[in-house]
Amino acid sequence: MMLVVAAVAEELGDLPGKTVGIGPVVAAASMARILALSSPSAVLMIGTAGRYEGGPPVGQACVARRVGLADGAASMGLGYVPRPPAPLPGDPRLLGRCGLPQVDVLNTGAVSTDPLLSQRLADGWQVEHLEVYGVAWACAAASVPFLAILGIANDVGPHAHAQWLTNRVAAQDAARMAAQVLLGTSGGLSED
């Protein structure tokens, strides 16, 4: 059965699933622990996210075609990552069942509020999220198919938090509704 995960319980709403916590490291460790204790056929992450310029509109649910990990200091030329991890793809079989806009999602360590940083991070990416790469990495390490459906709650930049507070419920609902459609076509879900 497919296991649904989210950073926090509010994102799961009434969908049975597990929470992985906030941030890429916490999410990776939590997901690895969850996978060690269960045997899902696939993992579906849901949640809210921010959009870079040109990304899907606020309120839209979208599906992650690929996920990457970025370091803000490296993006600004203030440091470097010797061996940055490669982007990870969403599971192509699940991706094809969604009927949602497909986007490239960048996992950052913090919500990006600086306009210059946001512009540099956006190169090749449409959406920003804080946990998706950690969950995808743990699933890849365990050879478990992974997909993420995210509801867009805000523009990435100086007003991100205020927009997120205003739009998070609608974004969470959009992601859950899209997840329910996918779960209906893929044979159900599991809390295990």
Protein backbone atom coordinates (compact mmCIF):
# COMPACT_ATOMS: atom_id res chain seq x y z
CA MET A 1 0.00 0.00 0.00
CA MET A 2 1.04 3.59 -0.59
CA LEU A 3 2.09 5.51 2.51
CA VAL A 4 1.19 9.21 2.75
CA VAL A 5 3.60 11.49 4.61
CA ALA A 6 3.72 15.20 5.37
CA ALA A 7 5.93 17.50 7.39
CA VAL A 8 3.19 18.19 9.96
CA ALA A 9 -0.22 16.78 10.89
CA GLU A 10 -2.09 19.86 9.59
CA GLU A 11 -0.93 19.00 6.07
CA LEU A 12 -2.26 15.44 6.37
CA GLY A 13 -5.64 16.63 7.61
CA ASP A 14 -7.97 13.63 7.64
CA LEU A 15 -5.71 11.49 5.42
CA PRO A 16 -4.11 8.64 7.36
CA GLY A 17 -0.34 8.87 7.24
CA LYS A 18 2.84 9.81 9.05
CA THR A 19 4.62 13.07 9.78
CA VAL A 20 8.33 13.52 9.09
CA GLY A 21 9.03 16.87 10.74
CA ILE A 22 10.40 20.13 9.38
CA GLY A 23 13.64 20.51 7.41
CA PRO A 24 15.54 18.19 5.07
CA VAL A 25 17.72 16.47 7.69
CA VAL A 26 14.86 15.77 10.11
CA ALA A 27 12.67 14.59 7.22
CA ALA A 28 15.35 12.24 5.87
CA ALA A 29 16.01 10.71 9.29
CA SER A 30 12.30 10.35 10.07
CA MET A 31 11.53 8.84 6.67
CA ALA A 32 14.40 6.36 7.01
CA ARG A 33 13.05 5.29 10.42
CA ILE A 34 9.50 4.97 9.05
CA LEU A 35 10.71 2.86 6.12
CA ALA A 36 12.72 0.62 8.46
CA LEU A 37 9.54 -0.10 10.43
CA SER A 38 7.16 -0.55 7.49
CA SER A 39 7.11 -1.83 3.93
CA PRO A 40 5.01 0.54 1.81
CA SER A 41 4.74 -0.11 -1.92
CA ALA A 42 5.32 3.63 -2.47
CA VAL A 43 5.50 6.92 -0.57
CA LEU A 44 3.43 10.00 -1.41
CA MET A 45 4.48 13.24 0.27
CA ILE A 46 1.95 16.05 0.46
CA GLY A 47 2.31 19.58 1.75
CA THR A 48 2.51 23.27 0.99
CA ALA A 49 5.23 25.02 -0.98
CA GLY A 50 6.35 28.34 -2.40
CA ARG A 51 6.59 29.26 -6.07
CA TYR A 52 9.52 30.87 -7.81
CA GLU A 53 8.75 33.39 -10.54
CA GLY A 54 7.08 31.52 -13.40
CA GLY A 55 5.99 28.64 -11.16
CA PRO A 56 2.40 27.46 -10.73
CA PRO A 57 -0.06 29.98 -9.29
CA VAL A 58 -0.88 30.22 -5.61
CA GLY A 59 -3.66 27.75 -4.81
CA GLN A 60 -2.60 25.25 -7.51
CA ALA A 61 -1.64 21.67 -6.67
CA CYS A 62 1.34 20.33 -8.60
CA VAL A 63 3.44 17.19 -8.69
CA ALA A 64 7.23 16.99 -8.37
CA ARG A 65 8.83 15.73 -11.58
CA ARG A 66 12.24 15.96 -9.90
CA VAL A 67 13.55 17.25 -6.58
CA GLY A 68 16.89 18.85 -5.81
CA LEU A 69 18.76 20.16 -2.79
CA ALA A 70 20.37 23.59 -2.56
CA ASP A 71 22.55 25.43 -0.10
CA GLY A 72 21.86 29.15 0.10
CA ALA A 73 25.48 30.10 0.81
CA ALA A 74 26.68 28.16 -2.23
CA SER A 75 23.94 29.71 -4.37
CA MET A 76 25.16 33.18 -3.40
CA GLY A 77 28.82 32.33 -4.07
CA LEU A 78 29.66 32.49 -0.36
CA GLY A 79 30.74 28.86 -0.15
CA TYR A 80 30.66 25.63 -2.09
CA VAL A 81 29.40 22.09 -1.70
CA PRO A 82 32.18 19.65 -2.73
CA ARG A 83 29.84 16.90 -3.93
CA PRO A 84 26.30 18.19 -4.18
CA PRO A 85 23.69 15.44 -4.26
CA ALA A 86 22.10 14.81 -7.65
CA PRO A 87 18.44 15.64 -8.24
CA LEU A 88 16.04 12.74 -7.72
CA PRO A 89 13.10 11.98 -10.03
CA GLY A 90 9.52 11.40 -8.99
CA ASP A 91 8.37 7.87 -9.78
CA PRO A 92 7.36 7.94 -13.47
CA ARG A 93 4.50 5.45 -13.05
CA LEU A 94 2.90 7.52 -10.29
CA LEU A 95 3.71 10.80 -12.03
CA GLY A 96 1.70 9.76 -15.06
CA ARG A 97 -1.41 9.09 -12.95
CA CYS A 98 -1.64 12.55 -11.41
CA GLY A 99 -2.93 14.80 -14.18
CA LEU A 100 -1.33 17.75 -12.38
CA PRO A 101 1.20 20.29 -13.59
CA GLN A 102 4.67 18.74 -13.29
CA VAL A 103 7.30 20.94 -11.66
CA ASP A 104 10.89 20.79 -10.50
CA VAL A 105 11.07 21.28 -6.73
CA LEU A 106 14.12 22.63 -4.91
CA ASN A 107 14.62 21.75 -1.25
CA THR A 108 16.21 24.59 0.70
CA GLY A 109 17.24 24.68 4.34
CA ALA A 110 15.05 27.70 5.08
CA VAL A 111 12.23 29.66 3.49
CA SER A 112 13.98 31.99 1.03
CA THR A 113 13.01 35.62 1.66
CA ASP A 114 15.88 37.53 0.03
CA PRO A 115 15.02 38.57 -3.56
CA LEU A 116 18.54 37.99 -4.92
CA LEU A 117 18.84 34.59 -3.26
CA SER A 118 15.38 33.62 -4.51
CA GLN A 119 16.35 34.62 -8.05
CA ARG A 120 19.54 32.54 -7.94
CA LEU A 121 17.79 29.51 -6.45
CA ALA A 122 15.04 29.65 -9.08
CA ASP A 123 17.43 28.85 -11.94
CA GLY A 124 15.94 25.62 -13.31
CA TRP A 125 13.38 25.23 -10.52
CA GLN A 126 9.75 26.31 -10.19
CA VAL A 127 8.91 25.42 -6.57
CA GLU A 128 10.63 25.63 -3.18
CA HIS A 129 9.99 23.19 -0.32
CA LEU A 130 11.76 22.36 2.96
CA GLU A 131 11.47 18.56 3.31
CA VAL A 132 10.93 16.96 -0.09
CA TYR A 133 14.55 16.03 -0.85
CA GLY A 134 15.08 14.40 2.54
CA VAL A 135 12.02 12.19 2.04
CA ALA A 136 12.93 11.42 -1.58
CA TRP A 137 16.51 10.55 -0.59
CA ALA A 138 15.39 8.13 2.13
CA CYS A 139 12.97 6.48 -0.31
CA ALA A 140 15.66 6.19 -3.01
CA ALA A 141 18.06 4.63 -0.48
CA ALA A 142 15.40 2.04 0.38
CA SER A 143 14.33 1.51 -3.28
CA VAL A 144 10.78 2.67 -2.52
CA PRO A 145 8.95 4.64 -5.26
CA PHE A 146 8.39 8.27 -4.27
CA LEU A 147 6.18 11.13 -5.41
CA ALA A 148 5.29 14.54 -3.96
CA ILE A 149 2.10 16.53 -4.45
CA LEU A 150 2.37 20.09 -3.20
CA GLY A 151 -0.13 22.93 -2.91
CA ILE A 152 1.32 26.35 -3.72
CA ALA A 153 0.76 28.71 -0.78
CA ASN A 154 3.06 31.65 -1.53
CA ASP A 155 5.54 33.41 -3.76
CA VAL A 156 9.15 32.83 -2.70
CA GLY A 157 10.53 36.14 -1.42
CA PRO A 158 10.09 38.82 1.24
CA HIS A 159 6.33 38.27 1.72
CA ALA A 160 6.46 34.46 1.74
CA HIS A 161 5.47 33.95 5.38
CA ALA A 162 2.53 36.37 5.33
CA GLN A 163 1.25 34.81 2.10
CA TRP A 164 1.72 31.31 3.49
CA LEU A 165 -0.33 32.20 6.59
CA THR A 166 -3.11 33.53 4.35
CA ASN A 167 -3.11 30.69 1.81
CA ARG A 168 -1.89 27.59 3.64
CA VAL A 169 -5.31 26.05 4.32
CA ALA A 170 -6.36 26.31 0.66
CA ALA A 171 -2.96 24.98 -0.46
CA GLN A 172 -3.18 22.06 1.97
CA ASP A 173 -6.69 21.29 0.73
CA ALA A 174 -5.56 21.39 -2.92
CA ALA A 175 -2.71 18.95 -2.20
CA ARG A 176 -4.98 16.60 -0.22
CA MET A 177 -7.68 16.60 -2.91
CA ALA A 178 -5.10 15.76 -5.60
CA ALA A 179 -3.65 13.05 -3.36
CA GLN A 180 -7.08 11.50 -2.86
CA VAL A 181 -7.52 11.28 -6.64
CA LEU A 182 -4.12 9.57 -6.99
CA LEU A 183 -4.83 7.23 -4.09
CA GLY A 184 -8.12 6.24 -5.68
CA THR A 185 -6.31 5.21 -8.87
CA SER A 186 -3.37 3.48 -7.22
CA GLY A 187 -4.98 1.00 -4.89
CA GLY A 188 -5.25 2.82 -1.61
CA LEU A 189 -3.02 3.96 1.17
CA SER A 190 -1.47 2.75 4.35
CA GLU A 191 -0.68 4.09 7.76
CA ASP A 192 1.97 1.43 8.33
